[in-house]
N, C-alpha and C. Protein backbone atom coordinates (compact mmCIF):
# COMPACT_ATOMS: atom_id res chain seq x y z
N UNK A 1 -13.11 -0.84 14.52
CA UNK A 1 -13.80 -2.24 13.97
C UNK A 1 -13.18 -2.60 13.16
N UNK A 2 -13.35 -4.22 12.73
CA UNK A 2 -13.24 -4.78 11.63
C UNK A 2 -14.42 -5.11 10.46
N UNK A 3 -13.87 -4.78 9.47
CA UNK A 3 -14.83 -5.35 8.60
C UNK A 3 -15.64 -6.86 8.66
N UNK A 4 -16.53 -7.07 8.63
CA UNK A 4 -17.13 -8.12 8.65
C UNK A 4 -16.86 -9.24 7.78
N UNK A 5 -16.33 -9.07 6.67
CA UNK A 5 -15.80 -9.97 5.77
C UNK A 5 -14.49 -10.44 5.84
N UNK A 6 -13.47 -9.76 6.85
CA UNK A 6 -12.52 -9.94 7.06
C UNK A 6 -12.30 -10.99 7.98
N UNK A 7 -11.42 -12.38 7.09
CA UNK A 7 -10.79 -13.47 7.88
C UNK A 7 -10.37 -13.48 9.27
N UNK A 8 -10.16 -14.17 10.00
CA UNK A 8 -9.39 -14.35 11.05
C UNK A 8 -8.04 -14.48 10.82
N UNK A 9 -7.32 -14.15 11.11
CA UNK A 9 -5.46 -14.34 10.73
C UNK A 9 -4.71 -14.98 11.93
N UNK A 10 -4.10 -15.73 11.36
CA UNK A 10 -2.80 -15.86 12.47
C UNK A 10 -2.39 -14.76 13.18
N UNK A 11 -1.93 -14.95 14.56
CA UNK A 11 -1.04 -13.96 14.78
C UNK A 11 -0.01 -13.22 14.20
N UNK A 12 -0.08 -11.85 14.13
CA UNK A 12 1.21 -11.39 13.30
C UNK A 12 1.64 -11.84 12.29
N UNK A 13 0.49 -12.26 11.45
CA UNK A 13 0.23 -12.23 10.08
C UNK A 13 -0.30 -11.25 9.09
N UNK A 14 0.32 -11.41 7.93
CA UNK A 14 -0.88 -9.94 6.59
C UNK A 14 -1.41 -11.12 5.85
N UNK A 15 -2.38 -10.95 5.34
CA UNK A 15 -3.09 -11.26 4.23
C UNK A 15 -2.79 -10.60 2.75
N UNK A 16 -2.18 -10.73 2.09
CA UNK A 16 -1.20 -10.15 1.00
C UNK A 16 -1.64 -10.40 -0.46
N UNK A 17 -1.87 -9.63 -1.25
CA UNK A 17 -2.20 -10.08 -2.52
C UNK A 17 -0.99 -10.10 -3.42
N UNK A 18 0.10 -9.22 -3.20
CA UNK A 18 1.42 -9.34 -4.28
C UNK A 18 2.61 -8.46 -3.40
N UNK A 19 3.52 -8.34 -3.80
CA UNK A 19 4.87 -7.95 -3.11
C UNK A 19 5.60 -7.66 -3.97
N UNK A 20 6.57 -6.73 -4.35
CA UNK A 20 7.68 -6.50 -4.96
C UNK A 20 8.33 -5.50 -4.66
N UNK A 21 9.87 -5.86 -5.13
CA UNK A 21 11.11 -5.08 -4.63
C UNK A 21 11.05 -3.79 -5.39
N UNK A 22 11.83 -2.74 -5.07
CA UNK A 22 12.77 -1.81 -6.08
C UNK A 22 11.47 -1.13 -6.76
N UNK A 23 10.78 -0.88 -6.65
CA UNK A 23 9.44 -0.09 -7.06
C UNK A 23 9.95 1.45 -7.00
N UNK A 24 9.87 2.45 -8.30
CA UNK A 24 10.40 3.74 -8.24
C UNK A 24 8.69 4.21 -8.66
N UNK A 25 7.85 3.64 -8.81
CA UNK A 25 6.26 4.22 -9.06
C UNK A 25 5.71 4.65 -7.88
N UNK A 26 5.68 4.03 -6.77
CA UNK A 26 4.80 3.94 -5.51
C UNK A 26 5.17 4.62 -4.31
N UNK A 27 5.66 5.90 -4.73
CA UNK A 27 6.38 6.63 -3.65
C UNK A 27 7.94 7.22 -4.10
N UNK A 28 8.73 7.84 -3.05
CA UNK A 28 9.79 8.40 -2.84
C UNK A 28 10.60 7.64 -3.26
N UNK A 29 11.64 7.50 -4.04
CA UNK A 29 12.83 6.49 -4.21
C UNK A 29 12.53 5.12 -4.51
N UNK A 30 13.16 4.55 -4.01
CA UNK A 30 13.23 3.04 -4.76
C UNK A 30 12.67 2.21 -3.23
N UNK A 31 11.22 1.60 -3.51
CA UNK A 31 10.65 1.42 -2.52
C UNK A 31 10.08 -0.32 -2.62
N UNK A 32 10.05 -1.15 -1.40
CA UNK A 32 9.13 -2.29 -1.68
C UNK A 32 7.67 -1.77 -1.67
N UNK A 33 6.66 -2.46 -2.46
CA UNK A 33 5.08 -2.51 -2.34
C UNK A 33 4.82 -3.78 -1.61
N UNK A 34 4.03 -3.79 -0.86
CA UNK A 34 2.94 -4.50 -0.14
C UNK A 34 1.55 -4.21 -0.72
N UNK A 35 1.18 -5.26 -1.26
CA UNK A 35 -0.53 -4.78 -1.79
C UNK A 35 -1.27 -5.64 -0.91
N UNK A 36 -2.18 -5.28 0.05
CA UNK A 36 -2.60 -5.85 0.92
C UNK A 36 -4.39 -6.66 -0.11
N UNK A 37 -4.71 -7.99 0.89
CA UNK A 37 -6.05 -8.37 0.38
C UNK A 37 -7.26 -8.02 1.31
N UNK A 38 -8.07 -7.42 -0.07
CA UNK A 38 -9.42 -6.87 0.64
C UNK A 38 -9.87 -5.52 0.87
N UNK A 39 -11.44 -5.45 0.16
CA UNK A 39 -11.54 -3.71 -0.39
C UNK A 39 -12.92 -4.13 -0.35
N UNK A 40 -13.82 -3.26 -0.13
CA UNK A 40 -15.26 -3.37 -0.52
C UNK A 40 -15.82 -2.27 -1.05
N UNK A 41 -14.72 -1.20 -1.92
CA UNK A 41 -15.46 -0.09 -2.69
C UNK A 41 -16.01 -0.66 -3.83
N UNK A 42 -14.91 -1.56 -4.86
CA UNK A 42 -15.42 -1.68 -6.23
C UNK A 42 -15.36 -0.59 -6.79
N UNK A 43 -14.28 -0.05 -7.16
CA UNK A 43 -14.45 1.37 -7.57
C UNK A 43 -14.46 1.21 -9.36
N UNK A 44 -14.99 1.78 -10.34
CA UNK A 44 -15.13 1.60 -11.39
C UNK A 44 -13.69 1.73 -11.92
N UNK A 45 -13.03 1.28 -12.79
CA UNK A 45 -11.67 1.67 -13.50
C UNK A 45 -10.52 1.22 -12.20
N UNK A 46 -10.92 0.52 -11.24
CA UNK A 46 -9.74 0.23 -9.99
C UNK A 46 -8.90 -0.83 -10.68
N UNK A 47 -7.70 -0.42 -10.58
CA UNK A 47 -6.38 -0.96 -11.06
C UNK A 47 -6.08 -2.13 -10.57
N UNK A 48 -6.84 -2.62 -9.30
CA UNK A 48 -6.58 -4.15 -8.87
C UNK A 48 -7.81 -4.66 -8.46
N UNK A 49 -8.61 -5.25 -9.17
CA UNK A 49 -9.71 -5.76 -8.77
C UNK A 49 -9.65 -7.03 -8.17
N UNK A 50 -8.61 -7.82 -8.31
CA UNK A 50 -8.42 -9.22 -8.00
C UNK A 50 -8.17 -8.94 -6.31
N UNK A 51 -7.83 -7.59 -5.77
CA UNK A 51 -7.78 -7.31 -4.52
C UNK A 51 -9.06 -7.31 -3.37
N UNK A 52 -9.95 -7.16 -4.46
CA UNK A 52 -11.39 -6.75 -3.59
C UNK A 52 -11.70 -7.96 -2.62
N UNK A 53 -11.49 -9.24 -3.14
CA UNK A 53 -12.23 -10.41 -1.95
C UNK A 53 -11.17 -10.28 -0.73
N UNK A 54 -11.82 -10.86 0.46
CA UNK A 54 -11.49 -10.52 1.67
C UNK A 54 -11.00 -12.13 2.04
N UNK A 55 -11.07 -13.03 1.04
CA UNK A 55 -10.31 -14.61 1.25
C UNK A 55 -8.98 -14.35 1.54
N UNK A 56 -8.42 -15.61 2.12
CA UNK A 56 -7.26 -15.60 2.24
C UNK A 56 -6.36 -15.87 0.88
N UNK A 57 -5.67 -15.02 0.74
CA UNK A 57 -4.69 -14.73 -0.79
C UNK A 57 -3.26 -15.92 -0.37
N UNK A 58 -2.68 -14.73 0.15
CA UNK A 58 -1.13 -15.16 0.82
C UNK A 58 -0.73 -14.74 2.21
N UNK A 59 -0.48 -15.68 2.97
CA UNK A 59 -0.62 -15.40 4.47
C UNK A 59 1.32 -15.15 4.60
N UNK A 60 1.55 -14.30 5.13
CA UNK A 60 2.70 -13.98 5.33
C UNK A 60 3.37 -13.31 6.61
N UNK A 61 4.07 -13.84 7.61
CA UNK A 61 4.32 -14.03 8.70
C UNK A 61 5.08 -12.10 8.94
N UNK A 62 4.32 -11.39 9.91
CA UNK A 62 5.00 -9.86 9.37
C UNK A 62 6.95 -9.71 9.71
N UNK A 63 7.08 -10.83 10.75
CA UNK A 63 8.61 -10.69 10.80
C UNK A 63 9.56 -11.14 9.70
N UNK A 64 8.73 -12.11 8.97
CA UNK A 64 9.56 -12.86 7.84
C UNK A 64 9.11 -11.35 6.39
N UNK A 65 8.19 -10.48 6.59
CA UNK A 65 8.35 -9.67 5.44
C UNK A 65 8.85 -8.50 5.78
N UNK A 66 9.12 -8.03 6.93
CA UNK A 66 10.09 -7.02 7.95
C UNK A 66 11.11 -7.60 6.87
N UNK A 67 12.14 -8.51 7.52
CA UNK A 67 12.94 -9.07 6.97
C UNK A 67 13.70 -9.38 5.49
N UNK A 68 12.47 -9.21 4.72
CA UNK A 68 12.39 -9.53 3.52
C UNK A 68 13.05 -8.33 2.63
N UNK A 69 12.16 -6.96 3.02
CA UNK A 69 11.89 -5.75 2.63
C UNK A 69 13.15 -5.25 3.15
N UNK A 70 13.92 -5.37 4.23
CA UNK A 70 14.91 -4.81 4.91
C UNK A 70 16.60 -5.25 4.35
N UNK A 71 16.04 -6.57 3.94
CA UNK A 71 17.32 -7.13 3.24
C UNK A 71 17.99 -6.93 1.94
N UNK A 72 16.99 -6.35 1.10
CA UNK A 72 17.38 -5.60 0.00
C UNK A 72 17.68 -4.24 0.12
N UNK A 73 19.13 -3.98 -0.11
CA UNK A 73 19.63 -2.26 0.27
C UNK A 73 19.21 -1.50 -0.56
N UNK A 74 18.73 -1.92 -1.82
CA UNK A 74 18.24 -0.75 -2.68
C UNK A 74 16.73 0.00 -2.08
N UNK A 75 15.99 -0.93 -1.37
CA UNK A 75 14.62 -0.49 -0.61
C UNK A 75 15.21 0.68 0.39
N UNK A 76 14.45 1.70 0.03
CA UNK A 76 14.53 3.10 0.62
C UNK A 76 13.87 3.02 1.93
N UNK A 77 12.39 2.46 1.59
CA UNK A 77 10.73 2.24 2.33
C UNK A 77 10.41 1.28 1.67
N UNK A 78 8.87 1.47 2.21
CA UNK A 78 8.08 0.52 2.16
C UNK A 78 6.23 1.20 1.34
N UNK A 79 5.77 0.91 0.57
CA UNK A 79 4.43 1.60 0.45
C UNK A 79 3.58 0.57 0.74
N UNK A 80 2.44 0.73 1.15
CA UNK A 80 1.26 -0.25 1.55
C UNK A 80 0.24 0.01 0.20
N UNK A 81 -0.15 -0.72 -0.11
CA UNK A 81 -1.56 -0.38 -1.39
C UNK A 81 -2.34 -1.89 -0.81
N UNK A 82 -3.37 -1.66 -2.05
CA UNK A 82 -4.43 -3.03 -2.05
C UNK A 82 -5.29 -2.98 -3.23
N UNK A 83 -6.60 -3.64 -2.87
CA UNK A 83 -6.55 -3.34 -1.90
C UNK A 83 -7.09 -2.47 -0.79
N UNK A 84 -7.28 -2.74 0.62
CA UNK A 84 -7.27 -1.59 1.53
C UNK A 84 -6.37 -1.71 2.64
N UNK A 85 -5.21 -0.93 2.55
CA UNK A 85 -4.44 -1.39 3.80
C UNK A 85 -5.08 -1.21 5.29
N UNK A 86 -6.11 0.06 5.26
CA UNK A 86 -6.34 0.14 6.79
C UNK A 86 -7.13 -1.20 7.56
N UNK A 87 -7.52 -2.07 6.57
CA UNK A 87 -8.83 -2.90 7.29
C UNK A 87 -7.45 -4.14 7.62
N UNK A 88 -6.11 -3.91 7.63
CA UNK A 88 -5.36 -4.82 8.35
C UNK A 88 -4.50 -3.70 9.04
N UNK A 89 -4.81 -2.61 9.52
CA UNK A 89 -4.02 -1.90 10.21
C UNK A 89 -3.25 -1.94 11.32
N UNK A 90 -3.49 -2.78 12.33
CA UNK A 90 -2.94 -3.17 13.42
C UNK A 90 -1.35 -4.05 12.79
N UNK A 91 -1.58 -5.23 11.83
CA UNK A 91 -0.45 -5.75 11.47
C UNK A 91 0.50 -5.18 10.37
N UNK A 92 0.05 -3.78 9.72
CA UNK A 92 0.87 -2.98 9.00
C UNK A 92 1.33 -2.17 9.89
N UNK A 93 0.76 -1.70 10.99
CA UNK A 93 1.41 -0.66 11.87
C UNK A 93 2.75 -1.20 12.42
N UNK A 94 2.70 -2.82 13.19
CA UNK A 94 3.67 -3.45 13.46
C UNK A 94 4.79 -3.72 12.13
N UNK A 95 4.41 -3.73 11.15
CA UNK A 95 5.52 -3.96 9.91
C UNK A 95 6.14 -2.67 9.99
N UNK A 96 5.59 -1.66 10.05
CA UNK A 96 5.96 -0.18 9.88
C UNK A 96 7.00 -0.07 11.06
N UNK A 97 6.42 -0.29 12.11
CA UNK A 97 7.64 -0.04 13.34
C UNK A 97 8.81 -0.75 13.18
N UNK A 98 8.71 -1.92 12.83
CA UNK A 98 9.95 -2.80 12.27
C UNK A 98 11.26 -2.08 11.40
N UNK A 99 10.35 -1.45 10.25
CA UNK A 99 11.25 -1.13 9.49
C UNK A 99 11.58 0.50 9.31
N UNK A 100 10.90 0.78 10.34
CA UNK A 100 11.31 2.35 10.44
C UNK A 100 12.35 1.89 11.58
N UNK A 101 12.28 1.38 12.40
CA UNK A 101 13.43 0.84 13.30
C UNK A 101 15.02 0.76 12.27
N UNK A 102 15.11 0.31 11.26
CA UNK A 102 15.69 0.06 10.44
C UNK A 102 15.87 1.32 9.67
N UNK A 103 15.35 2.16 9.64
CA UNK A 103 15.68 3.54 8.81
C UNK A 103 14.97 3.72 7.83
N UNK A 104 13.85 2.95 7.18
CA UNK A 104 13.10 2.82 6.05
C UNK A 104 12.03 3.58 6.46
N UNK A 105 11.77 4.46 5.36
CA UNK A 105 10.26 5.23 5.26
C UNK A 105 9.01 4.74 5.10
N UNK A 106 7.69 4.82 5.83
CA UNK A 106 6.64 4.08 5.33
C UNK A 106 5.41 5.09 4.93
N UNK A 107 4.99 4.72 3.49
CA UNK A 107 3.90 5.23 3.08
C UNK A 107 2.87 4.41 2.86
N UNK A 108 1.48 4.96 2.42
CA UNK A 108 0.24 4.20 2.61
C UNK A 108 -0.66 4.97 1.61
N UNK A 109 -1.23 4.21 0.73
CA UNK A 109 -2.34 4.65 -0.15
C UNK A 109 -3.67 4.39 1.07
N UNK A 110 -4.86 4.62 0.86
CA UNK A 110 -6.01 4.14 1.27
C UNK A 110 -7.41 5.12 0.48
N UNK A 111 -8.40 4.07 0.51
CA UNK A 111 -9.76 4.93 -0.05
C UNK A 111 -10.70 5.56 0.98
N UNK A 112 -10.02 5.48 2.54
CA UNK A 112 -10.87 6.46 3.26
C UNK A 112 -10.12 7.83 3.22
N UNK A 113 -10.41 8.48 3.98
CA UNK A 113 -10.33 9.95 3.81
C UNK A 113 -9.55 9.90 4.99
N UNK A 114 -8.59 11.06 5.50
CA UNK A 114 -7.81 11.20 6.55
C UNK A 114 -9.02 11.44 7.83
N UNK A 115 -9.94 12.15 7.57
CA UNK A 115 -10.64 12.23 8.48
C UNK A 115 -11.82 11.20 9.15
N UNK A 116 -11.92 10.14 7.99
CA UNK A 116 -12.73 9.28 8.49
C UNK A 116 -11.64 8.31 9.09
N UNK A 117 -10.24 8.48 8.87
CA UNK A 117 -9.36 7.33 9.59
C UNK A 117 -9.10 7.47 11.02
N UNK A 118 -9.40 9.35 11.38
CA UNK A 118 -9.15 9.93 12.46
C UNK A 118 -10.38 9.73 13.43
N UNK A 119 -11.51 9.11 12.61
CA UNK A 119 -13.06 9.40 13.38
C UNK A 119 -12.99 8.03 14.52
N UNK A 120 -14.26 8.24 15.21
CA UNK A 120 -14.33 6.88 16.39
C UNK A 120 -14.98 5.67 15.64
N UNK A 121 -15.29 5.76 14.65
CA UNK A 121 -15.40 4.65 13.93
C UNK A 121 -14.59 4.03 12.83
N UNK A 122 -13.48 4.50 12.84
CA UNK A 122 -12.33 4.50 11.69
C UNK A 122 -11.98 2.79 12.10
N UNK A 123 -11.62 1.89 11.27
CA UNK A 123 -11.13 0.67 11.44
C UNK A 123 -10.43 0.49 12.52
N UNK A 124 -10.32 -0.56 12.96
CA UNK A 124 -9.65 -0.86 14.30
C UNK A 124 -7.60 -0.55 13.77
N UNK A 125 -7.26 0.04 14.74
CA UNK A 125 -5.69 0.11 14.68
C UNK A 125 -5.36 1.39 13.79
N UNK A 126 -6.27 1.89 12.77
CA UNK A 126 -6.05 3.24 12.11
C UNK A 126 -5.24 4.20 12.84
N UNK A 127 -5.10 4.87 13.92
CA UNK A 127 -4.79 6.03 14.33
C UNK A 127 -3.02 5.32 14.58
N UNK A 128 -3.08 3.71 14.97
CA UNK A 128 -1.67 3.20 15.40
C UNK A 128 -0.97 3.55 13.97
N UNK A 129 -1.39 3.11 12.82
CA UNK A 129 -0.80 2.89 11.58
C UNK A 129 -0.48 4.19 11.01
N UNK A 130 -1.67 5.38 11.16
CA UNK A 130 -1.24 6.72 10.70
C UNK A 130 0.16 7.07 11.61
N UNK A 131 0.10 6.98 12.99
CA UNK A 131 1.20 7.40 13.78
C UNK A 131 2.63 6.69 13.38
N UNK A 132 2.63 5.97 12.24
CA UNK A 132 3.73 5.26 11.91
C UNK A 132 4.21 6.18 10.38
N UNK A 133 3.17 6.89 9.34
CA UNK A 133 3.29 6.85 8.36
C UNK A 133 3.94 8.01 8.31
N UNK A 134 5.34 8.33 7.35
CA UNK A 134 5.42 9.40 6.74
C UNK A 134 4.71 10.01 5.70
N UNK A 135 3.80 9.30 4.81
CA UNK A 135 3.20 9.92 3.56
C UNK A 135 1.94 9.10 3.84
N UNK A 136 0.72 9.76 3.51
CA UNK A 136 -0.30 9.28 3.12
C UNK A 136 -1.02 9.60 1.95
N UNK A 137 -1.45 8.72 1.09
CA UNK A 137 -2.42 9.35 -0.18
C UNK A 137 -3.83 9.15 0.35
N UNK A 138 -4.76 9.71 0.31
CA UNK A 138 -6.23 8.96 0.70
C UNK A 138 -7.16 9.72 -0.25
N UNK A 139 -8.36 8.91 -0.29
CA UNK A 139 -9.51 9.31 -0.93
C UNK A 139 -9.88 7.82 -2.14
N UNK A 140 -10.51 7.72 -2.49
CA UNK A 140 -10.75 6.53 -3.64
C UNK A 140 -10.61 7.11 -4.78
N UNK A 141 -10.22 5.91 -5.62
CA UNK A 141 -10.08 6.38 -6.92
C UNK A 141 -11.32 6.71 -7.65
N UNK A 142 -11.75 7.97 -8.27
CA UNK A 142 -12.81 8.08 -9.00
C UNK A 142 -12.36 8.28 -10.47
N UNK A 143 -13.02 7.24 -11.23
CA UNK A 143 -12.50 7.17 -12.65
C UNK A 143 -12.78 8.43 -13.39
N UNK A 144 -13.89 9.14 -12.96
CA UNK A 144 -14.40 10.53 -13.62
C UNK A 144 -13.41 11.67 -13.33
N UNK A 145 -12.83 11.38 -12.49
CA UNK A 145 -11.59 12.71 -11.84
C UNK A 145 -10.38 12.02 -12.04
N UNK A 146 -10.09 11.16 -12.78
CA UNK A 146 -8.37 10.75 -13.37
C UNK A 146 -7.81 12.04 -13.61
N UNK A 147 -6.70 11.29 -13.44
CA UNK A 147 -5.76 12.67 -13.54
C UNK A 147 -4.52 11.90 -14.46
N UNK A 148 -4.14 12.36 -15.78
CA UNK A 148 -3.48 11.79 -16.73
C UNK A 148 -1.99 12.92 -16.79
N UNK A 149 -1.39 12.72 -16.01
CA UNK A 149 -0.34 14.08 -15.99
C UNK A 149 0.93 13.41 -15.67
N UNK A 150 2.23 13.70 -15.91
CA UNK A 150 2.98 13.19 -15.48
C UNK A 150 3.99 13.85 -14.05
N UNK A 151 3.28 14.81 -13.78
CA UNK A 151 3.49 15.38 -12.64
C UNK A 151 2.59 15.36 -11.63
N UNK A 152 1.60 14.51 -11.51
CA UNK A 152 0.78 14.65 -10.26
C UNK A 152 1.22 13.29 -9.90
N UNK A 153 1.23 13.25 -8.34
CA UNK A 153 1.38 12.10 -7.50
C UNK A 153 0.15 11.49 -7.18
N UNK A 154 -1.24 11.66 -7.71
CA UNK A 154 -2.31 11.02 -7.44
C UNK A 154 -2.94 10.78 -8.66
N UNK A 155 -4.08 9.73 -8.44
CA UNK A 155 -4.66 9.42 -9.77
C UNK A 155 -5.95 9.89 -10.41
N UNK A 156 -6.38 10.45 -9.07
CA UNK A 156 -7.97 11.05 -9.49
C UNK A 156 -7.76 12.68 -8.52
N UNK A 157 -8.41 13.18 -9.41
CA UNK A 157 -8.18 14.96 -8.40
C UNK A 157 -8.67 14.87 -7.03
N UNK A 158 -9.81 14.03 -6.77
CA UNK A 158 -10.28 14.08 -5.45
C UNK A 158 -9.12 13.65 -3.83
N UNK A 159 -8.32 12.78 -4.78
CA UNK A 159 -7.19 11.98 -3.46
C UNK A 159 -6.15 13.52 -3.39
N UNK A 160 -5.71 13.11 -1.94
CA UNK A 160 -4.75 14.24 -1.17
C UNK A 160 -3.28 13.51 -0.91
N UNK A 161 -2.89 14.30 -1.24
CA UNK A 161 -1.05 13.85 -0.31
C UNK A 161 -1.01 14.40 0.88
N UNK A 162 -0.93 13.35 2.06
CA UNK A 162 -0.55 14.12 3.30
C UNK A 162 0.89 13.89 3.73
N UNK A 163 1.88 14.67 4.01
CA UNK A 163 2.93 14.40 4.41
C UNK A 163 2.70 14.53 5.85
N UNK A 164 3.17 13.87 6.57
CA UNK A 164 2.89 13.16 7.95
C UNK A 164 4.17 13.14 8.88
N UNK A 165 5.22 13.48 7.80
CA UNK A 165 6.85 13.97 8.38
C UNK A 165 7.35 14.91 7.62
N UNK A 166 7.51 15.95 8.32
CA UNK A 166 8.01 17.16 7.74
C UNK A 166 9.36 16.65 6.71
N UNK A 167 10.07 15.96 6.80
CA UNK A 167 11.35 15.48 6.35
C UNK A 167 10.93 15.05 4.68
N UNK A 168 9.77 14.78 4.66
CA UNK A 168 9.37 14.29 3.39
C UNK A 168 8.62 15.11 2.62
N UNK A 169 9.00 16.65 3.07
CA UNK A 169 8.12 17.55 2.63
C UNK A 169 8.13 17.86 0.82
N UNK A 170 9.31 17.37 0.67
CA UNK A 170 9.94 17.59 -0.93
C UNK A 170 10.44 16.44 -1.60
N UNK A 171 9.48 15.25 -1.25
CA UNK A 171 9.78 13.91 -1.43
C UNK A 171 8.81 13.55 -2.55
N UNK A 172 7.89 14.61 -3.17
CA UNK A 172 7.28 14.08 -3.90
C UNK A 172 7.45 14.35 -5.30
N UNK A 173 8.26 12.82 -5.75
CA UNK A 173 8.64 12.93 -6.79
C UNK A 173 8.72 11.60 -7.90
N UNK A 174 7.50 11.02 -7.49
CA UNK A 174 6.87 10.10 -8.54
C UNK A 174 5.64 10.68 -9.08
N UNK A 175 5.06 10.00 -10.28
CA UNK A 175 4.12 10.30 -10.90
C UNK A 175 3.21 9.13 -10.80
N UNK A 176 1.88 9.54 -10.51
CA UNK A 176 0.95 8.52 -10.64
C UNK A 176 0.55 7.71 -12.49
N UNK A 177 0.82 8.52 -13.41
CA UNK A 177 0.84 7.65 -14.92
C UNK A 177 1.90 6.89 -15.14
N UNK A 178 3.06 6.75 -14.22
CA UNK A 178 3.96 6.06 -14.88
C UNK A 178 3.67 4.18 -14.02
N UNK A 179 4.20 3.32 -15.19
CA UNK A 179 4.09 2.19 -14.63
C UNK A 179 5.54 1.62 -15.06
N UNK A 180 5.30 0.24 -14.31
CA UNK A 180 6.63 -0.47 -14.13
C UNK A 180 6.05 -1.83 -14.74
N UNK A 181 7.44 -2.77 -15.12
CA UNK A 181 6.72 -4.01 -15.16
C UNK A 181 8.18 -4.91 -14.69
N UNK A 182 8.11 -5.48 -14.00
CA UNK A 182 8.99 -6.62 -12.70
C UNK A 182 8.74 -8.05 -13.55
N UNK A 183 9.76 -8.80 -13.90
CA UNK A 183 9.90 -10.32 -14.46
C UNK A 183 10.44 -10.70 -13.29
N UNK A 184 9.73 -11.71 -12.66
CA UNK A 184 10.32 -12.36 -11.63
C UNK A 184 11.11 -13.50 -11.69
N UNK A 185 11.73 -14.00 -10.98
CA UNK A 185 12.59 -15.27 -10.87
C UNK A 185 12.02 -16.59 -11.67
N UNK A 186 10.56 -16.68 -11.33
CA UNK A 186 9.87 -17.80 -12.21
C UNK A 186 9.21 -17.36 -13.45
N UNK A 187 9.85 -16.50 -13.69
CA UNK A 187 9.05 -15.63 -15.38
C UNK A 187 7.96 -14.94 -14.95
N UNK A 188 6.91 -14.99 -14.13
CA UNK A 188 5.77 -14.19 -13.41
C UNK A 188 6.09 -12.73 -14.17
N UNK A 189 5.10 -12.09 -14.75
CA UNK A 189 5.49 -10.98 -14.97
C UNK A 189 4.19 -9.97 -14.02
N UNK A 190 4.58 -8.38 -13.44
CA UNK A 190 3.96 -8.02 -12.45
C UNK A 190 4.11 -6.79 -13.02
N UNK A 191 2.71 -6.14 -13.27
CA UNK A 191 2.45 -4.63 -13.56
C UNK A 191 2.29 -3.57 -12.66
N UNK A 192 3.17 -2.67 -12.11
CA UNK A 192 2.45 -2.03 -11.29
C UNK A 192 2.56 -0.46 -11.73
N UNK A 193 1.76 0.63 -10.98
CA UNK A 193 1.69 1.84 -11.30
C UNK A 193 0.42 2.24 -11.76
N UNK A 194 -0.20 3.00 -12.41
CA UNK A 194 -1.43 3.65 -13.12
C UNK A 194 -1.77 2.77 -14.20
N UNK A 195 -3.01 2.36 -13.95
CA UNK A 195 -3.93 1.34 -14.83
C UNK A 195 -3.11 -0.02 -14.56
N UNK A 196 -1.73 0.00 -13.86
CA UNK A 196 -0.83 -1.52 -13.55
C UNK A 196 -2.48 -2.59 -12.83
N UNK A 197 -2.26 -3.84 -13.24
CA UNK A 197 -3.05 -4.68 -13.24
C UNK A 197 -2.36 -5.92 -12.44
N UNK A 198 -2.27 -5.82 -10.97
CA UNK A 198 -1.33 -6.72 -10.35
C UNK A 198 -1.43 -8.41 -10.81
N UNK A 199 -0.48 -8.85 -11.19
CA UNK A 199 -0.17 -10.48 -11.41
C UNK A 199 -0.21 -11.05 -10.01
N UNK A 200 -0.75 -12.16 -9.85
CA UNK A 200 -0.62 -12.47 -8.11
C UNK A 200 0.97 -13.26 -8.47
N UNK A 201 1.45 -12.86 -7.25
CA UNK A 201 2.89 -13.35 -6.84
C UNK A 201 3.15 -13.92 -5.66
N UNK A 202 3.83 -14.96 -5.50
CA UNK A 202 3.95 -15.49 -4.60
C UNK A 202 5.38 -15.16 -3.76
N UNK A 203 5.50 -15.03 -2.78
CA UNK A 203 6.47 -14.57 -1.50
C UNK A 203 7.24 -15.89 -1.41
N UNK A 204 8.79 -15.94 -2.12
CA UNK A 204 9.25 -17.23 -1.39
C UNK A 204 10.72 -17.00 -0.36
């Protein structure tokens, strides 16, 4: 199913909230991060409330984004966050396939549980995206269950880390309470990581 608030996107495009290269707090190693636009949960304490709206924010062609991510030799992989990545699962699966063909790893956060994503009423393309992931962190952020620990890969205790590719069994090296500040070429500051509030950034 598609969410009823989801806009119709041009073919082979994503609607994203933001993008950053060379993050080390959103998965193993040095990674690009794509924050998609649109989420229904409105979780208390959400890190990125600006991502809730399904309205068009930044449209980006999937091929262009794949080229951008792969062109930075420091990017070892990509992480999908949001917003809710699985409301744009077919497009992200396309992006994931292109990047995996170039040797990059793919990880995603989701507010769904993996069981919901494998159910018959899962968002369109959910299994297609799951098939491309090396790591999935599932479950909504629950403020009352928040974890403040330098050794936890999840932000609240209900969330789970699923290693979908055995090669990443020992790759859980990041901590959910870390933050990064990226200063972009135009002077925009982007904060990511635990409690990070995404500043909107344009992909040039």
